[in-house]
Amino acid sequence: MLYGKIDGVTVRFYILIILVGIIAGLGAILFRELIALFHNILFYGRFSIVYDVLQHAAPSRFGMGIILVPVVGAGVVAFLVKHFAPEAKGHGVPEVIDAICYQRGVIRPIVAIIKALASSISIGSGGSVGREGPIMQIGSAFGSAIGQWIKVADWERITLIACGAGGGIAATFNTPFGGVLFALEIMLPEWSARTIIPVSIATAVATYTSYFYFGSGPFIPFTTHAMLHMHIAEIGSYLVLSVLLGLFSVLFIHAIYFAEDLFDAIPGNYYIRHMLGMFLLGVSMYFMLQTFGHYYIQGVGYATVMDVLKQTLTHPGFLFFLALLKLIDTAITLGSGGSGGVFSPLLFIGATVGGGYVSANHYLFPEMNMNIQLGALVGMAAMVGASTGALLTAIVMTAELINDFTIVLPLMVMVAIAYAVRRCVMKDSVYTLKLTRRGHHIPDRLQWVR
């Protein structure tokens, strides 16, 4: 395929790669705007796609009625998932991995449509989930659908799935390197020229497609002042933070599946369980607004991440409280049957745990000159890397989010430690545990069907 003369089959395959990249980029644009649309309709009763996720959502015009907004969203999500695409339930990545390893890369095309609608309603109505899982599943479904329509070889179809996944991630967060690494680390255990080159091309095309709409600036427009020259005591303290983040990732993974088992044991049907879970989330949202002035934990939560990075939030007790509440609400959202990803909640939890830890050090050891911003960034990367198993993705993507690669070196060390701690406690990641529980063990290496 990649060596020797170029034939018609090769040209066709690379045309498909470019097509998947364009569709992934357009899909990311549409998905983000759908979230904005449903958020404005459900929170404010207005038809608009103006929504800055880096700013806290204004209080809803419905007052205490905001408690019922996630319940309404849950009813619609349950209907879509139950009647059209059960695969759209949850965070999506395990279903794509399962399709690659056990279904020869075959994903039903309708999954892309239902996942886009269900996840945008879940997030838009306040669900404590992220957009990376949905856009990855949406892009993967498009890649698989094109591969089925054109009738390509199995390995080409699976590569197109990875192209859709990487392109979707890159276009959503403006992180092309992170998109490529995510596709390769999570989707394709085989690292070779015939997988890396197609995924790189599709990811670049998807990113350029999103540039035309969102612009080319970093997703988080933030200038870090992280101090990278540290004394021995500070280095040791950050290493302790890495261990803490590894343990917190274990807690996060167990919480997701504990909540799933808990809600499955509740008498009633899917509608009742999911609406009950989202009622609890609505109460949590309203409590936060009334007590602290913002919803904080609703939706993707990037505004809170910005607060930590800008050092608007520095009280360690409040930051640890936010981390724990986000973990609980994410577990409730997904465990009760919601549709959305875990990447954004992991960024939120990592930023608040990392920022809270450094702030606590300031109180206890004022002579130590630790940096809250670096603590938050380490927390973001370590939680993502340890929980998902995508170490390189977590390191590079965190740097890309703020467009600052000077932080890569400390991230490399601390993400590796957090991941090692999680692996010592449990083998499965938040993605693979779901498959292990259904008896589908993921092989270390794919054997392509030629």
Protein backbone atom coordinates (compact mmCIF):
# COMPACT_ATOMS: atom_id res chain seq x y z
CA MET A 1 0.00 0.00 0.00
CA LEU A 2 2.66 2.53 1.01
CA TYR A 3 5.61 1.11 -0.89
CA GLY A 4 6.19 0.63 -4.60
CA LYS A 5 4.07 2.11 -7.33
CA ILE A 6 0.85 3.98 -6.65
CA ASP A 7 -2.18 2.17 -8.04
CA GLY A 8 -5.89 2.92 -8.23
CA VAL A 9 -6.63 1.19 -4.93
CA THR A 10 -4.08 3.36 -3.12
CA VAL A 11 -5.48 6.55 -4.67
CA ARG A 12 -9.00 5.52 -3.71
CA PHE A 13 -7.97 4.80 -0.12
CA TYR A 14 -6.32 8.20 0.30
CA ILE A 15 -9.32 9.96 -1.22
CA LEU A 16 -11.42 8.23 1.43
CA ILE A 17 -8.97 9.36 4.13
CA ILE A 18 -9.34 12.99 3.05
CA LEU A 19 -13.12 12.59 2.87
CA VAL A 20 -13.24 11.19 6.42
CA GLY A 21 -11.09 14.09 7.63
CA ILE A 22 -13.46 16.64 6.10
CA ILE A 23 -16.51 14.89 7.56
CA ALA A 24 -14.87 14.64 10.99
CA GLY A 25 -14.10 18.36 10.94
CA LEU A 26 -17.64 19.26 9.87
CA GLY A 27 -19.04 16.82 12.43
CA ALA A 28 -17.07 18.52 15.20
CA ILE A 29 -18.43 21.91 14.15
CA LEU A 30 -22.01 20.65 14.02
CA PHE A 31 -21.69 18.83 17.35
CA ARG A 32 -20.37 21.87 19.20
CA GLU A 33 -23.14 24.04 17.78
CA LEU A 34 -25.79 21.45 18.71
CA ILE A 35 -24.57 21.59 22.31
CA ALA A 36 -24.87 25.38 22.24
CA LEU A 37 -28.33 25.21 20.70
CA PHE A 38 -29.77 22.76 23.23
CA HIS A 39 -28.08 24.58 26.12
CA ASN A 40 -29.71 27.88 25.16
CA ILE A 41 -33.11 26.29 24.55
CA LEU A 42 -33.17 24.28 27.76
CA PHE A 43 -31.53 26.83 30.10
CA TYR A 44 -32.88 30.11 28.74
CA GLY A 45 -35.75 29.30 26.37
CA ARG A 46 -34.06 30.98 23.42
CA PHE A 47 -33.03 29.77 19.99
CA SER A 48 -29.31 30.60 19.74
CA ILE A 49 -25.94 28.95 19.16
CA VAL A 50 -23.97 31.59 21.08
CA TYR A 51 -22.28 29.73 23.94
CA ASP A 52 -18.78 30.26 25.32
CA VAL A 53 -17.88 27.15 27.31
CA LEU A 54 -14.88 28.96 28.83
CA GLN A 55 -17.27 31.27 30.70
CA HIS A 56 -19.65 30.24 33.47
CA ALA A 57 -23.23 29.83 32.28
CA ALA A 58 -25.52 32.62 33.42
CA PRO A 59 -28.30 31.64 35.86
CA SER A 60 -31.26 30.10 34.07
CA ARG A 61 -34.42 32.13 33.62
CA PHE A 62 -36.34 29.18 35.10
CA GLY A 63 -35.01 29.67 38.63
CA MET A 64 -35.55 26.58 40.76
CA GLY A 65 -37.05 24.93 37.68
CA ILE A 66 -33.47 24.35 36.49
CA ILE A 67 -33.58 21.17 38.58
CA LEU A 68 -35.99 19.67 36.04
CA VAL A 69 -34.03 20.71 32.94
CA PRO A 70 -31.63 17.73 33.12
CA VAL A 71 -34.66 15.48 33.74
CA VAL A 72 -36.29 16.67 30.53
CA GLY A 73 -33.04 16.09 28.67
CA ALA A 74 -32.77 12.61 30.19
CA GLY A 75 -36.20 11.65 28.88
CA VAL A 76 -35.26 12.61 25.33
CA VAL A 77 -31.85 10.90 25.56
CA ALA A 78 -33.41 7.69 26.89
CA PHE A 79 -35.90 7.68 24.00
CA LEU A 80 -33.20 8.14 21.35
CA VAL A 81 -30.87 5.54 22.83
CA LYS A 82 -33.54 2.93 23.57
CA HIS A 83 -35.30 3.08 20.21
CA PHE A 84 -32.52 3.86 17.73
CA ALA A 85 -28.97 3.17 18.94
CA PRO A 86 -28.17 1.53 22.31
CA GLU A 87 -24.47 2.01 21.39
CA ALA A 88 -24.93 5.76 21.95
CA LYS A 89 -25.33 5.21 25.70
CA GLY A 90 -22.30 6.00 27.85
CA HIS A 91 -19.01 7.57 26.83
CA GLY A 92 -18.69 5.83 23.47
CA VAL A 93 -15.02 4.90 23.32
CA PRO A 94 -15.46 1.29 24.57
CA GLU A 95 -18.04 0.64 21.86
CA VAL A 96 -15.60 1.76 19.16
CA ILE A 97 -12.78 -0.35 20.61
CA ASP A 98 -15.16 -3.31 20.73
CA ALA A 99 -16.14 -2.78 17.09
CA ILE A 100 -12.47 -2.74 16.07
CA CYS A 101 -11.44 -5.82 18.03
CA TYR A 102 -14.56 -7.97 17.82
CA GLN A 103 -16.70 -6.74 14.89
CA ARG A 104 -14.10 -6.15 12.15
CA GLY A 105 -14.61 -2.41 12.36
CA VAL A 106 -18.32 -2.46 11.55
CA ILE A 107 -20.28 0.36 13.23
CA ARG A 108 -23.87 1.12 12.30
CA PRO A 109 -24.12 4.50 10.48
CA ILE A 110 -27.12 5.58 12.56
CA VAL A 111 -24.88 5.65 15.63
CA ALA A 112 -23.28 8.88 14.37
CA ILE A 113 -26.60 10.69 14.19
CA ILE A 114 -28.05 9.41 17.45
CA LYS A 115 -24.79 9.93 19.35
CA ALA A 116 -24.63 13.54 18.16
CA LEU A 117 -28.20 14.23 19.26
CA ALA A 118 -28.11 12.29 22.54
CA SER A 119 -24.78 13.68 23.71
CA SER A 120 -25.55 17.27 22.73
CA ILE A 121 -28.80 17.06 24.69
CA SER A 122 -27.06 15.43 27.68
CA ILE A 123 -24.36 18.11 27.77
CA GLY A 124 -26.68 20.97 26.81
CA SER A 125 -29.16 20.10 29.58
CA GLY A 126 -26.38 20.15 32.18
CA GLY A 127 -25.09 16.57 32.20
CA SER A 128 -21.65 16.33 33.79
CA VAL A 129 -19.92 14.80 30.77
CA GLY A 130 -17.58 15.86 27.97
CA ARG A 131 -17.56 16.05 24.18
CA GLU A 132 -14.47 14.02 23.27
CA GLY A 133 -16.11 10.58 23.56
CA PRO A 134 -19.13 11.55 21.45
CA ILE A 135 -17.14 13.26 18.69
CA MET A 136 -14.73 10.34 18.61
CA GLN A 137 -17.62 7.90 18.25
CA ILE A 138 -19.31 10.13 15.67
CA GLY A 139 -16.13 10.36 13.57
CA SER A 140 -15.51 6.65 13.92
CA ALA A 141 -19.04 5.81 12.80
CA PHE A 142 -18.60 7.98 9.70
CA GLY A 143 -15.27 6.30 8.94
CA SER A 144 -16.78 2.84 9.32
CA ALA A 145 -19.83 3.78 7.25
CA ILE A 146 -17.67 4.99 4.36
CA GLY A 147 -15.56 1.84 4.62
CA GLN A 148 -18.68 -0.33 4.46
CA TRP A 149 -20.18 1.63 1.60
CA ILE A 150 -17.06 1.45 -0.58
CA LYS A 151 -16.35 -2.12 0.59
CA VAL A 152 -12.69 -1.82 1.51
CA ALA A 153 -10.54 -4.40 3.29
CA ASP A 154 -11.01 -4.82 7.03
CA TRP A 155 -7.69 -3.18 7.93
CA GLU A 156 -8.55 -0.18 5.74
CA ARG A 157 -11.97 0.17 7.36
CA ILE A 158 -10.42 0.05 10.83
CA THR A 159 -7.86 2.66 9.77
CA LEU A 160 -10.71 4.87 8.52
CA ILE A 161 -12.32 4.51 11.96
CA ALA A 162 -9.10 5.76 13.56
CA CYS A 163 -9.00 8.60 11.01
CA GLY A 164 -12.51 9.67 12.03
CA ALA A 165 -11.71 9.40 15.73
CA GLY A 166 -8.44 11.34 15.54
CA GLY A 167 -9.92 13.94 13.22
CA GLY A 168 -12.93 14.50 15.45
CA ILE A 169 -10.79 14.94 18.57
CA ALA A 170 -8.38 17.29 16.80
CA ALA A 171 -11.12 19.44 15.30
CA THR A 172 -13.02 19.70 18.59
CA PHE A 173 -10.08 20.86 20.71
CA ASN A 174 -7.70 22.21 18.03
CA THR A 175 -5.15 19.58 19.05
CA PRO A 176 -3.89 17.86 15.87
CA PHE A 177 -0.99 16.06 17.55
CA GLY A 178 -3.24 14.93 20.37
CA GLY A 179 -5.82 13.69 17.87
CA VAL A 180 -3.26 11.55 16.05
CA LEU A 181 -1.89 10.11 19.29
CA PHE A 182 -5.36 9.41 20.68
CA ALA A 183 -6.31 7.45 17.57
CA LEU A 184 -3.08 5.47 17.62
CA GLU A 185 -2.93 4.82 21.37
CA ILE A 186 -6.59 3.94 21.90
CA MET A 187 -7.89 2.82 18.51
CA LEU A 188 -4.91 1.17 16.83
CA PRO A 189 -2.40 -0.87 18.85
CA GLU A 190 -0.41 -1.31 15.60
CA TRP A 191 1.94 1.60 14.99
CA SER A 192 3.17 1.48 11.41
CA ALA A 193 3.47 3.69 8.36
CA ARG A 194 0.20 2.43 6.94
CA THR A 195 -1.71 3.56 10.06
CA ILE A 196 0.21 6.64 11.17
CA ILE A 197 0.26 8.33 7.75
CA PRO A 198 -3.48 8.00 7.03
CA VAL A 199 -4.46 9.10 10.53
CA SER A 200 -2.09 12.07 10.33
CA ILE A 201 -3.53 13.18 6.99
CA ALA A 202 -7.15 12.84 8.14
CA THR A 203 -6.41 14.66 11.39
CA ALA A 204 -4.71 17.53 9.57
CA VAL A 205 -7.63 17.84 7.14
CA ALA A 206 -10.16 17.80 10.00
CA THR A 207 -8.21 20.44 11.91
CA TYR A 208 -7.97 22.72 8.88
CA THR A 209 -11.70 22.25 8.30
CA SER A 210 -12.44 23.43 11.83
CA TYR A 211 -10.08 26.41 11.37
CA PHE A 212 -12.43 27.89 8.79
CA TYR A 213 -15.16 28.10 11.44
CA PHE A 214 -13.51 28.35 14.87
CA GLY A 215 -10.16 29.89 13.94
CA SER A 216 -6.69 28.55 14.63
CA GLY A 217 -6.07 29.80 18.18
CA PRO A 218 -5.53 27.42 21.12
CA PHE A 219 -8.68 25.98 22.66
CA ILE A 220 -7.73 27.46 26.05
CA PRO A 221 -6.32 30.96 25.31
CA PHE A 222 -4.12 31.12 28.36
CA THR A 223 -0.51 32.17 28.94
CA THR A 224 1.10 30.00 31.58
CA HIS A 225 3.55 31.33 34.12
CA ALA A 226 4.48 27.88 35.34
CA MET A 227 7.88 27.73 37.04
CA LEU A 228 9.87 24.78 35.71
CA HIS A 229 13.06 25.33 37.74
CA MET A 230 12.27 23.71 41.08
CA HIS A 231 14.14 22.81 44.23
CA ILE A 232 14.37 19.20 45.44
CA ALA A 233 11.58 19.69 47.98
CA GLU A 234 9.25 21.07 45.30
CA ILE A 235 10.04 18.23 42.93
CA GLY A 236 9.30 15.74 45.71
CA SER A 237 6.00 17.45 46.42
CA TYR A 238 4.95 17.24 42.77
CA LEU A 239 5.85 13.54 42.77
CA VAL A 240 3.51 13.07 45.73
CA LEU A 241 0.84 14.87 43.71
CA SER A 242 1.40 12.39 40.86
CA VAL A 243 0.77 9.47 43.22
CA LEU A 244 -2.37 11.19 44.54
CA LEU A 245 -3.64 11.69 40.97
CA GLY A 246 -3.00 8.03 40.17
CA LEU A 247 -5.11 7.01 43.16
CA PHE A 248 -7.79 9.53 42.22
CA SER A 249 -7.95 8.03 38.73
CA VAL A 250 -8.63 4.63 40.31
CA LEU A 251 -11.43 6.21 42.34
CA PHE A 252 -12.85 7.82 39.19
CA ILE A 253 -12.90 4.56 37.23
CA HIS A 254 -14.51 2.61 40.06
CA ALA A 255 -17.06 5.38 40.65
CA ILE A 256 -18.27 5.27 37.03
CA TYR A 257 -18.97 1.54 37.09
CA PHE A 258 -20.21 1.48 40.68
CA ALA A 259 -22.83 4.06 39.72
CA GLU A 260 -23.75 2.02 36.65
CA ASP A 261 -24.31 -1.10 38.78
CA LEU A 262 -26.19 0.91 41.38
CA PHE A 263 -28.64 2.40 38.88
CA ASP A 264 -29.08 -0.94 37.10
CA ALA A 265 -30.22 -2.41 40.42
CA ILE A 266 -32.95 0.23 40.86
CA PRO A 267 -36.42 -1.15 40.01
CA GLY A 268 -37.99 0.34 36.91
CA ASN A 269 -36.96 0.97 33.33
CA TYR A 270 -34.21 2.96 31.63
CA TYR A 271 -36.34 6.11 31.56
CA ILE A 272 -36.95 6.09 35.32
CA ARG A 273 -33.33 5.37 36.21
CA HIS A 274 -31.84 8.02 33.94
CA MET A 275 -34.37 10.68 34.87
CA LEU A 276 -33.78 9.94 38.56
CA GLY A 277 -30.03 10.33 38.09
CA MET A 278 -30.43 13.61 36.25
CA PHE A 279 -32.83 14.89 38.89
CA LEU A 280 -30.04 14.39 41.43
CA LEU A 281 -27.72 16.28 39.08
CA GLY A 282 -30.24 19.11 38.78
CA VAL A 283 -30.40 19.41 42.56
CA SER A 284 -26.59 19.56 42.63
CA MET A 285 -26.55 22.31 39.99
CA TYR A 286 -29.14 24.41 41.81
CA PHE A 287 -27.35 23.96 45.14
CA MET A 288 -24.06 25.18 43.65
CA LEU A 289 -25.71 28.21 42.06
CA GLN A 290 -27.51 29.23 45.24
CA THR A 291 -24.54 28.58 47.53
CA PHE A 292 -21.52 29.61 45.46
CA GLY A 293 -22.89 31.76 42.63
CA HIS A 294 -22.18 29.44 39.68
CA TYR A 295 -23.32 26.01 38.53
CA TYR A 296 -19.66 24.95 38.34
CA ILE A 297 -20.20 21.22 37.69
CA GLN A 298 -22.76 21.37 34.86
CA GLY A 299 -21.75 20.46 31.33
CA VAL A 300 -18.13 20.24 30.24
CA GLY A 301 -16.80 22.41 33.07
CA TYR A 302 -14.10 24.29 31.18
CA ALA A 303 -15.01 27.56 32.90
CA THR A 304 -13.93 26.07 36.22
CA VAL A 305 -10.67 24.85 34.67
CA MET A 306 -10.06 28.43 33.52
CA ASP A 307 -10.78 29.69 37.05
CA VAL A 308 -8.05 27.45 38.43
CA LEU A 309 -5.53 28.36 35.74
CA LYS A 310 -6.21 32.08 36.23
CA GLN A 311 -6.01 31.55 40.00
CA THR A 312 -9.52 32.90 40.50
CA LEU A 313 -10.20 29.79 42.58
CA THR A 314 -7.43 29.02 45.05
CA HIS A 315 -9.02 27.78 48.27
CA PRO A 316 -7.85 24.16 48.63
CA GLY A 317 -10.94 23.00 50.49
CA PHE A 318 -13.28 24.34 47.82
CA LEU A 319 -11.15 22.95 44.99
CA PHE A 320 -11.11 19.45 46.51
CA PHE A 321 -14.87 19.75 47.09
CA LEU A 322 -15.37 20.63 43.40
CA ALA A 323 -13.24 17.65 42.34
CA LEU A 324 -15.25 15.23 44.46
CA LEU A 325 -18.60 16.68 43.40
CA LYS A 326 -17.63 16.55 39.72
CA LEU A 327 -16.60 12.92 40.13
CA ILE A 328 -19.94 12.06 41.77
CA ASP A 329 -22.01 13.96 39.20
CA THR A 330 -20.12 12.44 36.27
CA ALA A 331 -20.65 8.97 37.74
CA ILE A 332 -24.35 9.73 38.18
CA THR A 333 -24.72 11.09 34.64
CA LEU A 334 -23.02 8.13 32.96
CA GLY A 335 -24.10 5.48 35.47
CA SER A 336 -27.77 6.36 35.09
CA GLY A 337 -27.54 6.10 31.30
CA GLY A 338 -26.38 9.46 29.98
CA SER A 339 -24.44 10.01 26.78
CA GLY A 340 -21.12 11.86 26.85
CA GLY A 341 -17.37 11.56 27.31
CA VAL A 342 -15.04 11.39 30.30
CA PHE A 343 -12.17 13.49 28.96
CA SER A 344 -13.60 16.85 30.04
CA PRO A 345 -14.55 15.66 33.55
CA LEU A 346 -11.02 14.30 33.90
CA LEU A 347 -9.57 17.69 32.95
CA PHE A 348 -11.87 19.34 35.50
CA ILE A 349 -10.97 16.90 38.28
CA GLY A 350 -7.27 17.05 37.46
CA ALA A 351 -7.20 20.85 37.48
CA THR A 352 -9.05 21.12 40.79
CA VAL A 353 -7.08 18.36 42.52
CA GLY A 354 -3.76 19.70 41.21
CA GLY A 355 -4.62 23.31 42.01
CA GLY A 356 -6.01 22.37 45.41
CA TYR A 357 -2.91 20.36 46.30
CA VAL A 358 -0.56 23.23 45.44
CA SER A 359 -2.75 25.71 47.30
CA ALA A 360 -2.68 23.46 50.37
CA ASN A 361 1.12 23.39 50.12
CA HIS A 362 1.14 27.19 50.14
CA TYR A 363 -0.73 27.15 53.45
CA LEU A 364 1.35 24.37 55.02
CA PHE A 365 4.77 25.15 53.56
CA PRO A 366 4.84 28.81 52.50
CA GLU A 367 8.58 28.64 51.87
CA MET A 368 7.95 26.24 48.95
CA ASN A 369 7.39 28.21 45.76
CA MET A 370 5.03 25.79 44.01
CA ASN A 371 2.98 27.05 41.08
CA ILE A 372 -0.80 26.56 41.04
CA GLN A 373 -0.95 26.70 37.25
CA LEU A 374 1.63 23.96 36.85
CA GLY A 375 -0.17 21.92 39.49
CA ALA A 376 -3.44 22.25 37.59
CA LEU A 377 -1.84 21.35 34.25
CA VAL A 378 -0.08 18.35 35.78
CA GLY A 379 -3.38 17.31 37.28
CA MET A 380 -5.20 17.59 33.95
CA ALA A 381 -2.63 15.50 32.06
CA ALA A 382 -2.16 12.94 34.83
CA MET A 383 -5.88 12.29 35.31
CA VAL A 384 -6.41 11.83 31.57
CA GLY A 385 -3.30 9.68 31.08
CA ALA A 386 -3.81 7.48 34.13
CA SER A 387 -7.57 6.99 33.67
CA THR A 388 -7.62 6.37 29.91
CA GLY A 389 -4.22 4.74 29.43
CA ALA A 390 -3.39 7.26 26.69
CA LEU A 391 -0.18 8.69 28.17
CA LEU A 392 1.27 10.39 25.10
CA THR A 393 -2.12 11.84 24.22
CA ALA A 394 -2.51 13.32 27.70
CA ILE A 395 0.95 14.91 27.67
CA VAL A 396 0.83 16.40 24.19
CA MET A 397 -2.83 17.36 24.25
CA THR A 398 -2.50 19.29 27.51
CA ALA A 399 0.34 21.29 26.01
CA GLU A 400 -1.64 21.87 22.81
CA LEU A 401 -4.73 23.05 24.70
CA ILE A 402 -2.77 26.08 25.95
CA ASN A 403 -0.22 26.11 23.10
CA ASP A 404 2.75 25.90 25.48
CA PHE A 405 5.17 23.00 25.02
CA THR A 406 7.57 24.18 27.72
CA ILE A 407 5.55 22.15 30.23
CA VAL A 408 6.02 18.84 28.41
CA LEU A 409 9.03 17.67 30.45
CA PRO A 410 7.36 17.76 33.90
CA LEU A 411 4.19 16.32 32.38
CA MET A 412 6.13 13.35 31.01
CA VAL A 413 7.43 12.40 34.45
CA MET A 414 4.27 13.02 36.43
CA VAL A 415 1.84 11.42 33.99
CA ALA A 416 4.04 8.31 33.90
CA ILE A 417 4.01 8.07 37.71
CA ALA A 418 0.24 8.56 37.93
CA TYR A 419 -0.29 5.91 35.25
CA ALA A 420 2.05 3.47 37.03
CA VAL A 421 0.16 3.94 40.29
CA ARG A 422 -3.16 3.23 38.57
CA ARG A 423 -1.72 0.13 36.85
CA CYS A 424 -0.42 -1.17 40.17
CA VAL A 425 -3.90 -0.94 41.65
CA MET A 426 -5.94 -2.04 38.62
CA LYS A 427 -5.09 -3.14 35.10
CA ASP A 428 -8.10 -1.81 33.20
CA SER A 429 -8.58 1.80 32.14
CA VAL A 430 -11.89 3.62 32.18
CA TYR A 431 -12.29 2.52 28.55
CA THR A 432 -11.32 -1.15 28.76
CA LEU A 433 -13.03 -2.02 32.06
CA LYS A 434 -16.44 -1.87 30.40
CA LEU A 435 -15.32 -4.42 27.81
CA THR A 436 -13.63 -6.65 30.38
CA ARG A 437 -16.88 -6.74 32.36
CA ARG A 438 -18.69 -8.11 29.31
CA GLY A 439 -15.94 -10.68 28.65
CA HIS A 440 -14.30 -8.87 25.74
CA HIS A 441 -10.62 -8.68 26.59
CA ILE A 442 -8.63 -6.29 24.42
CA PRO A 443 -5.54 -7.81 22.79
CA ASP A 444 -2.21 -6.05 23.08
CA ARG A 445 -1.77 -6.10 19.30
CA LEU A 446 -4.17 -6.31 16.39
CA GLN A 447 -3.64 -8.84 13.62
CA TRP A 448 -4.95 -7.28 10.46
CA VAL A 449 -7.16 -9.25 8.13
CA ARG A 450 -5.78 -8.80 4.64
